[in-house]
Structure formats: C-alpha cells, structure tokens
N, C-alpha and C. Protein backbone atom coordinates (compact mmCIF):
# COMPACT_ATOMS: atom_id res chain seq x y z
N MET A 1 11.15 -16.47 -9.08
CA MET A 1 9.99 -15.92 -9.75
C MET A 1 9.29 -17.04 -10.52
N ALA A 2 7.98 -17.07 -10.44
CA ALA A 2 7.17 -18.02 -11.20
C ALA A 2 6.77 -17.37 -12.52
N ALA A 3 6.77 -18.15 -13.58
CA ALA A 3 6.44 -17.64 -14.91
C ALA A 3 4.93 -17.68 -15.14
N ILE A 4 4.43 -16.66 -15.84
CA ILE A 4 3.05 -16.67 -16.31
C ILE A 4 3.03 -17.52 -17.58
N PRO A 5 2.23 -18.57 -17.66
CA PRO A 5 2.18 -19.38 -18.88
C PRO A 5 1.71 -18.54 -20.07
N ASP A 6 2.30 -18.78 -21.22
CA ASP A 6 1.94 -18.01 -22.42
C ASP A 6 0.44 -18.05 -22.69
N GLU A 7 -0.19 -19.20 -22.46
CA GLU A 7 -1.62 -19.32 -22.75
C GLU A 7 -2.48 -18.52 -21.75
N ALA A 8 -1.90 -18.08 -20.64
CA ALA A 8 -2.64 -17.29 -19.65
C ALA A 8 -2.44 -15.79 -19.86
N LYS A 9 -1.44 -15.39 -20.61
CA LYS A 9 -1.13 -13.96 -20.78
C LYS A 9 -2.29 -13.14 -21.34
N PRO A 10 -3.13 -13.71 -22.24
CA PRO A 10 -4.28 -12.91 -22.69
C PRO A 10 -5.19 -12.44 -21.56
N LEU A 11 -5.22 -13.16 -20.44
CA LEU A 11 -6.02 -12.71 -19.30
C LEU A 11 -5.48 -11.41 -18.71
N LEU A 12 -4.18 -11.17 -18.87
CA LEU A 12 -3.55 -9.96 -18.34
C LEU A 12 -3.44 -8.85 -19.39
N GLU A 13 -3.73 -9.19 -20.63
CA GLU A 13 -3.57 -8.22 -21.72
C GLU A 13 -4.89 -7.82 -22.36
N GLY A 14 -5.99 -8.46 -21.95
CA GLY A 14 -7.30 -8.16 -22.52
C GLY A 14 -8.09 -7.25 -21.60
N LYS A 15 -9.41 -7.36 -21.68
CA LYS A 15 -10.31 -6.52 -20.89
C LYS A 15 -10.82 -7.23 -19.64
N HIS A 16 -10.09 -8.22 -19.18
CA HIS A 16 -10.51 -9.01 -18.03
C HIS A 16 -10.17 -8.27 -16.74
N PHE A 17 -11.13 -8.23 -15.83
CA PHE A 17 -10.91 -7.57 -14.55
C PHE A 17 -10.18 -8.51 -13.60
N ALA A 18 -9.36 -7.93 -12.76
CA ALA A 18 -8.64 -8.68 -11.75
C ALA A 18 -9.11 -8.23 -10.38
N HIS A 19 -8.92 -9.10 -9.41
CA HIS A 19 -9.15 -8.75 -8.01
C HIS A 19 -7.82 -8.91 -7.30
N VAL A 20 -7.39 -7.83 -6.65
CA VAL A 20 -6.11 -7.81 -5.95
C VAL A 20 -6.38 -7.79 -4.45
N ALA A 21 -5.77 -8.74 -3.75
CA ALA A 21 -5.91 -8.82 -2.30
C ALA A 21 -4.62 -8.33 -1.65
N THR A 22 -4.78 -7.45 -0.66
CA THR A 22 -3.67 -6.97 0.15
C THR A 22 -4.01 -7.25 1.61
N ILE A 23 -3.07 -6.96 2.49
CA ILE A 23 -3.27 -7.23 3.92
C ILE A 23 -3.38 -5.91 4.67
N ASN A 24 -4.49 -5.73 5.38
CA ASN A 24 -4.67 -4.54 6.22
C ASN A 24 -3.73 -4.59 7.42
N SER A 25 -3.55 -3.45 8.07
CA SER A 25 -2.65 -3.36 9.22
C SER A 25 -3.06 -4.28 10.37
N ASP A 26 -4.36 -4.63 10.45
CA ASP A 26 -4.82 -5.53 11.51
C ASP A 26 -4.75 -7.01 11.10
N GLY A 27 -4.19 -7.27 9.88
CA GLY A 27 -4.02 -8.64 9.42
C GLY A 27 -5.18 -9.19 8.60
N THR A 28 -6.26 -8.44 8.50
CA THR A 28 -7.40 -8.89 7.70
C THR A 28 -7.15 -8.63 6.22
N PRO A 29 -7.77 -9.41 5.35
CA PRO A 29 -7.58 -9.19 3.91
C PRO A 29 -8.43 -8.03 3.40
N GLN A 30 -7.94 -7.42 2.34
CA GLN A 30 -8.66 -6.35 1.63
C GLN A 30 -8.57 -6.69 0.16
N VAL A 31 -9.69 -6.58 -0.56
CA VAL A 31 -9.72 -6.94 -1.98
C VAL A 31 -10.31 -5.80 -2.78
N SER A 32 -9.73 -5.54 -3.96
CA SER A 32 -10.21 -4.51 -4.86
C SER A 32 -10.20 -5.01 -6.29
N ALA A 33 -11.20 -4.64 -7.07
CA ALA A 33 -11.20 -4.92 -8.50
C ALA A 33 -10.31 -3.88 -9.18
N VAL A 34 -9.47 -4.34 -10.11
CA VAL A 34 -8.55 -3.46 -10.82
C VAL A 34 -8.45 -3.85 -12.28
N TRP A 35 -8.00 -2.88 -13.07
CA TRP A 35 -7.55 -3.17 -14.43
C TRP A 35 -6.14 -3.70 -14.29
N ILE A 36 -5.81 -4.72 -15.06
CA ILE A 36 -4.55 -5.44 -14.88
C ILE A 36 -3.69 -5.34 -16.13
N GLY A 37 -2.40 -5.52 -15.97
CA GLY A 37 -1.50 -5.48 -17.11
C GLY A 37 -0.29 -6.37 -16.90
N LEU A 38 0.56 -6.38 -17.90
CA LEU A 38 1.76 -7.20 -17.90
C LEU A 38 2.90 -6.34 -18.43
N ASP A 39 4.01 -6.33 -17.72
CA ASP A 39 5.21 -5.60 -18.13
C ASP A 39 6.37 -6.59 -18.08
N GLY A 40 6.64 -7.23 -19.22
CA GLY A 40 7.63 -8.29 -19.23
C GLY A 40 7.13 -9.45 -18.39
N ASP A 41 7.89 -9.80 -17.34
CA ASP A 41 7.50 -10.88 -16.45
C ASP A 41 6.72 -10.40 -15.23
N LEU A 42 6.53 -9.08 -15.12
CA LEU A 42 5.86 -8.52 -13.95
C LEU A 42 4.38 -8.24 -14.25
N VAL A 43 3.53 -8.48 -13.29
CA VAL A 43 2.11 -8.16 -13.37
C VAL A 43 1.95 -6.75 -12.83
N THR A 44 1.12 -5.94 -13.49
CA THR A 44 0.98 -4.54 -13.07
C THR A 44 -0.49 -4.15 -12.90
N PHE A 45 -0.69 -3.17 -12.05
CA PHE A 45 -1.96 -2.45 -12.01
C PHE A 45 -1.67 -1.02 -11.63
N ASN A 46 -2.63 -0.16 -11.86
CA ASN A 46 -2.46 1.27 -11.65
C ASN A 46 -3.46 1.71 -10.59
N THR A 47 -2.99 2.50 -9.64
CA THR A 47 -3.87 3.01 -8.59
C THR A 47 -3.38 4.39 -8.19
N ALA A 48 -3.94 4.93 -7.13
CA ALA A 48 -3.53 6.25 -6.65
C ALA A 48 -2.98 6.13 -5.24
N GLU A 49 -1.94 6.91 -4.97
CA GLU A 49 -1.39 6.97 -3.62
C GLU A 49 -2.48 7.42 -2.65
N GLY A 50 -2.41 6.90 -1.42
CA GLY A 50 -3.37 7.28 -0.39
C GLY A 50 -4.56 6.34 -0.29
N ARG A 51 -4.73 5.47 -1.28
CA ARG A 51 -5.82 4.49 -1.20
C ARG A 51 -5.41 3.35 -0.27
N VAL A 52 -6.39 2.57 0.15
CA VAL A 52 -6.13 1.46 1.06
C VAL A 52 -5.07 0.53 0.47
N LYS A 53 -5.19 0.22 -0.84
CA LYS A 53 -4.23 -0.69 -1.47
C LYS A 53 -2.80 -0.20 -1.31
N THR A 54 -2.55 1.06 -1.61
CA THR A 54 -1.17 1.55 -1.54
C THR A 54 -0.69 1.62 -0.09
N LYS A 55 -1.55 2.01 0.82
CA LYS A 55 -1.16 2.03 2.23
C LYS A 55 -0.77 0.63 2.69
N ASN A 56 -1.59 -0.35 2.32
CA ASN A 56 -1.29 -1.73 2.71
C ASN A 56 0.01 -2.21 2.08
N LEU A 57 0.23 -1.90 0.80
CA LEU A 57 1.41 -2.39 0.10
C LEU A 57 2.70 -1.73 0.57
N HIS A 58 2.62 -0.50 1.05
CA HIS A 58 3.81 0.13 1.64
C HIS A 58 4.22 -0.62 2.91
N ALA A 59 3.23 -1.13 3.64
CA ALA A 59 3.51 -1.83 4.89
C ALA A 59 3.83 -3.31 4.68
N ASN A 60 3.20 -3.92 3.68
CA ASN A 60 3.37 -5.36 3.43
C ASN A 60 3.21 -5.59 1.94
N PRO A 61 4.28 -5.98 1.23
CA PRO A 61 4.22 -6.09 -0.23
C PRO A 61 3.56 -7.36 -0.75
N ALA A 62 3.04 -8.22 0.12
CA ALA A 62 2.42 -9.47 -0.32
C ALA A 62 1.06 -9.19 -0.97
N VAL A 63 0.82 -9.83 -2.11
CA VAL A 63 -0.47 -9.69 -2.81
C VAL A 63 -0.91 -11.05 -3.36
N ALA A 64 -2.20 -11.15 -3.57
CA ALA A 64 -2.78 -12.26 -4.33
C ALA A 64 -3.68 -11.62 -5.38
N ILE A 65 -3.68 -12.21 -6.56
CA ILE A 65 -4.45 -11.67 -7.68
C ILE A 65 -5.25 -12.80 -8.29
N SER A 66 -6.49 -12.52 -8.60
CA SER A 66 -7.36 -13.45 -9.29
C SER A 66 -7.91 -12.77 -10.53
N VAL A 67 -7.75 -13.43 -11.68
CA VAL A 67 -8.27 -12.91 -12.94
C VAL A 67 -9.15 -14.00 -13.54
N THR A 68 -10.36 -13.61 -13.95
CA THR A 68 -11.29 -14.55 -14.58
C THR A 68 -11.57 -14.09 -15.99
N ASN A 69 -11.59 -15.03 -16.91
CA ASN A 69 -11.91 -14.73 -18.30
C ASN A 69 -13.36 -14.28 -18.38
N GLU A 70 -13.59 -13.07 -18.89
CA GLU A 70 -14.95 -12.54 -18.99
C GLU A 70 -15.84 -13.39 -19.89
N GLY A 71 -15.25 -14.03 -20.90
CA GLY A 71 -16.02 -14.84 -21.83
C GLY A 71 -16.15 -16.30 -21.42
N ASN A 72 -15.30 -16.75 -20.52
CA ASN A 72 -15.31 -18.13 -20.04
C ASN A 72 -14.94 -18.11 -18.56
N PRO A 73 -15.92 -17.96 -17.67
CA PRO A 73 -15.62 -17.80 -16.25
C PRO A 73 -14.93 -19.00 -15.61
N TYR A 74 -14.82 -20.11 -16.34
CA TYR A 74 -14.12 -21.27 -15.81
C TYR A 74 -12.61 -21.17 -16.03
N GLU A 75 -12.20 -20.24 -16.89
CA GLU A 75 -10.76 -20.00 -17.05
C GLU A 75 -10.36 -18.91 -16.06
N ASN A 76 -9.37 -19.21 -15.26
CA ASN A 76 -8.91 -18.21 -14.30
C ASN A 76 -7.41 -18.33 -14.10
N LEU A 77 -6.85 -17.24 -13.59
CA LEU A 77 -5.43 -17.15 -13.29
C LEU A 77 -5.30 -16.63 -11.87
N ILE A 78 -4.60 -17.38 -11.04
CA ILE A 78 -4.36 -16.99 -9.65
C ILE A 78 -2.86 -16.76 -9.49
N ILE A 79 -2.51 -15.60 -8.96
CA ILE A 79 -1.10 -15.24 -8.78
C ILE A 79 -0.90 -14.81 -7.34
N GLN A 80 0.14 -15.33 -6.72
CA GLN A 80 0.60 -14.83 -5.43
C GLN A 80 1.99 -14.26 -5.66
N GLY A 81 2.26 -13.11 -5.08
CA GLY A 81 3.57 -12.52 -5.29
C GLY A 81 3.84 -11.37 -4.36
N LYS A 82 4.88 -10.64 -4.71
CA LYS A 82 5.31 -9.48 -3.91
C LYS A 82 5.46 -8.28 -4.81
N VAL A 83 5.09 -7.13 -4.30
CA VAL A 83 5.30 -5.88 -5.01
C VAL A 83 6.79 -5.57 -4.99
N VAL A 84 7.36 -5.36 -6.16
CA VAL A 84 8.78 -5.04 -6.27
C VAL A 84 9.00 -3.56 -6.58
N GLU A 85 7.94 -2.86 -6.99
CA GLU A 85 8.07 -1.43 -7.26
C GLU A 85 6.69 -0.80 -7.29
N MET A 86 6.61 0.42 -6.76
CA MET A 86 5.45 1.29 -6.93
C MET A 86 6.01 2.61 -7.39
N THR A 87 5.69 3.00 -8.62
CA THR A 87 6.31 4.18 -9.19
C THR A 87 5.30 5.11 -9.85
N PRO A 88 5.49 6.41 -9.67
CA PRO A 88 4.66 7.36 -10.41
C PRO A 88 5.17 7.57 -11.84
N ASP A 89 6.39 7.10 -12.13
CA ASP A 89 6.97 7.29 -13.46
C ASP A 89 6.14 6.58 -14.52
N GLY A 90 5.56 7.35 -15.42
CA GLY A 90 4.75 6.79 -16.50
C GLY A 90 3.35 6.40 -16.10
N ALA A 91 2.96 6.66 -14.85
CA ALA A 91 1.67 6.18 -14.36
C ALA A 91 0.49 6.89 -15.02
N ASP A 92 0.62 8.17 -15.34
CA ASP A 92 -0.49 8.86 -16.00
C ASP A 92 -0.71 8.32 -17.40
N ASP A 93 0.37 8.07 -18.14
CA ASP A 93 0.25 7.48 -19.47
C ASP A 93 -0.30 6.06 -19.37
N ASP A 94 0.13 5.31 -18.35
CA ASP A 94 -0.33 3.94 -18.16
C ASP A 94 -1.84 3.89 -17.90
N ILE A 95 -2.36 4.76 -17.04
CA ILE A 95 -3.79 4.72 -16.75
C ILE A 95 -4.60 5.14 -17.97
N ASP A 96 -4.04 6.04 -18.79
CA ASP A 96 -4.72 6.41 -20.03
C ASP A 96 -4.75 5.23 -21.00
N ALA A 97 -3.65 4.47 -21.08
CA ALA A 97 -3.60 3.29 -21.96
C ALA A 97 -4.59 2.23 -21.47
N LEU A 98 -4.69 2.06 -20.15
CA LEU A 98 -5.66 1.11 -19.61
C LEU A 98 -7.09 1.56 -19.89
N ALA A 99 -7.35 2.87 -19.79
CA ALA A 99 -8.68 3.40 -20.11
C ALA A 99 -9.02 3.16 -21.57
N LYS A 100 -8.02 3.25 -22.43
CA LYS A 100 -8.24 2.97 -23.86
C LYS A 100 -8.63 1.50 -24.04
N ARG A 101 -7.89 0.62 -23.37
CA ARG A 101 -8.16 -0.82 -23.49
C ARG A 101 -9.51 -1.21 -22.90
N TYR A 102 -9.79 -0.73 -21.69
CA TYR A 102 -10.99 -1.17 -20.99
C TYR A 102 -12.26 -0.38 -21.34
N LEU A 103 -12.11 0.90 -21.65
CA LEU A 103 -13.27 1.76 -21.88
C LEU A 103 -13.36 2.32 -23.29
N ASP A 104 -12.31 2.11 -24.09
CA ASP A 104 -12.18 2.75 -25.40
C ASP A 104 -12.25 4.28 -25.27
N ALA A 105 -11.66 4.79 -24.19
CA ALA A 105 -11.60 6.23 -23.94
C ALA A 105 -10.16 6.71 -24.17
N ASP A 106 -10.00 7.92 -24.67
CA ASP A 106 -8.66 8.43 -24.95
C ASP A 106 -7.88 8.77 -23.68
N SER A 107 -8.59 9.04 -22.59
CA SER A 107 -7.92 9.32 -21.33
C SER A 107 -8.79 8.80 -20.19
N TYR A 108 -8.16 8.58 -19.05
CA TYR A 108 -8.84 8.05 -17.87
C TYR A 108 -9.86 9.07 -17.37
N PRO A 109 -11.15 8.73 -17.40
CA PRO A 109 -12.18 9.73 -17.08
C PRO A 109 -12.48 9.91 -15.59
N PHE A 110 -11.85 9.12 -14.73
CA PHE A 110 -12.21 9.16 -13.31
C PHE A 110 -11.14 9.82 -12.44
N ARG A 111 -10.23 10.58 -13.04
CA ARG A 111 -9.18 11.26 -12.27
C ARG A 111 -9.80 12.19 -11.24
N GLN A 112 -9.18 12.21 -10.08
CA GLN A 112 -9.60 13.11 -9.01
C GLN A 112 -8.56 14.23 -8.89
N PRO A 113 -8.98 15.43 -8.57
CA PRO A 113 -8.01 16.53 -8.43
C PRO A 113 -6.93 16.19 -7.41
N GLY A 114 -5.69 16.38 -7.81
CA GLY A 114 -4.56 16.19 -6.92
C GLY A 114 -4.10 14.76 -6.71
N GLU A 115 -4.77 13.77 -7.33
CA GLU A 115 -4.33 12.39 -7.10
C GLU A 115 -3.01 12.12 -7.81
N GLU A 116 -2.20 11.30 -7.17
CA GLU A 116 -0.93 10.87 -7.76
C GLU A 116 -1.05 9.40 -8.13
N ARG A 117 -1.07 9.13 -9.43
CA ARG A 117 -1.17 7.77 -9.93
C ARG A 117 0.16 7.04 -9.74
N VAL A 118 0.09 5.75 -9.50
CA VAL A 118 1.29 4.91 -9.40
C VAL A 118 1.04 3.60 -10.13
N ILE A 119 2.11 3.09 -10.72
CA ILE A 119 2.08 1.75 -11.29
C ILE A 119 2.63 0.80 -10.23
N VAL A 120 1.88 -0.23 -9.93
CA VAL A 120 2.30 -1.25 -8.97
C VAL A 120 2.80 -2.44 -9.79
N LYS A 121 4.06 -2.85 -9.53
CA LYS A 121 4.67 -3.96 -10.27
C LYS A 121 4.88 -5.13 -9.32
N ILE A 122 4.37 -6.29 -9.73
CA ILE A 122 4.35 -7.47 -8.89
C ILE A 122 5.17 -8.59 -9.53
N GLU A 123 6.04 -9.18 -8.72
CA GLU A 123 6.78 -10.35 -9.16
C GLU A 123 6.03 -11.59 -8.71
N PRO A 124 5.56 -12.39 -9.67
CA PRO A 124 4.81 -13.61 -9.30
C PRO A 124 5.72 -14.63 -8.61
N GLU A 125 5.22 -15.21 -7.52
CA GLU A 125 5.93 -16.26 -6.81
C GLU A 125 5.23 -17.61 -6.97
N LYS A 126 3.90 -17.59 -7.10
CA LYS A 126 3.11 -18.78 -7.37
C LYS A 126 2.09 -18.41 -8.43
N VAL A 127 1.92 -19.29 -9.40
CA VAL A 127 0.97 -19.04 -10.50
C VAL A 127 0.18 -20.31 -10.73
N ASN A 128 -1.14 -20.16 -10.86
CA ASN A 128 -2.01 -21.28 -11.19
C ASN A 128 -2.98 -20.82 -12.26
N HIS A 129 -2.92 -21.44 -13.43
CA HIS A 129 -3.82 -21.14 -14.53
C HIS A 129 -4.72 -22.35 -14.75
N ALA A 130 -6.02 -22.16 -14.69
CA ALA A 130 -6.99 -23.23 -14.94
C ALA A 130 -7.82 -22.87 -16.15
N ASN A 131 -7.94 -23.80 -17.07
CA ASN A 131 -8.78 -23.61 -18.24
C ASN A 131 -9.37 -24.97 -18.61
N PRO A 132 -10.35 -25.42 -17.77
CA PRO A 132 -10.92 -26.77 -17.99
C PRO A 132 -11.69 -26.89 -19.29
C-alpha cells in the first residue's frame, strides 16, 4: 500500500471534487466526478449500486483518482489503487456527512427512490502529490 502524504490529506478531507476512473467491460475507461473521503489509510467515495461505476468495480477493482485543489488548480493528487471493499454498511450516514461537507445540507438531497448507497474503499498502490 502506498501512503497518502500528510500534506495531501486536506485534498481528501475538504470540498475538493475528485474524478474516479474505472474500466468498462469493453476495456475503455469511464470517469465520474465524486465527493471523496479518507478512512484511515483508505480513500473512499459513496455511490449507488447499479451505476456504471459499481458495475465496473464488481468486474475489475482497478481505479485511478484525480483530485485538484479548488483554490489552487496546480495542486493535485493522483492515486492508482484497487477497491478492497464496497459496503452498504453506514453508507446512508456517510452520504449525509458528505452532503454536509460539500453542500452544507443536513441530508443528501439527491436520493432516488429505492437506491442502495455503498461506500467504496480503495487501497492506494501509487500516489503522486504535486504542489508546485
């Protein structure tokens, strides 16, 4: 496992958007903007089962993540890793906490009827933090 440098952790704990790349079944890349988080040494994001991201990750756990500092676009964090867990446990509380951080909303306002939220946990294998 590659460590996230302490000076880069604010990119995963603030309001900075991340882009997560997964691999489609035909081998082409797929990228989505996500709210990002940190759980110990693991990078996390929250999504719903049935979306392209979760379908791709069930088939191939490889991901790449790019996070750019909203206030300084020259600072970025690039992570390559593997999904080590996708769990619904605590996912509803997690998306509400992310909504609080990113939107200052008490609960996630974009829930769809019947969706099952999951927390995706990623173990970093390569990390590159640039802050010129």
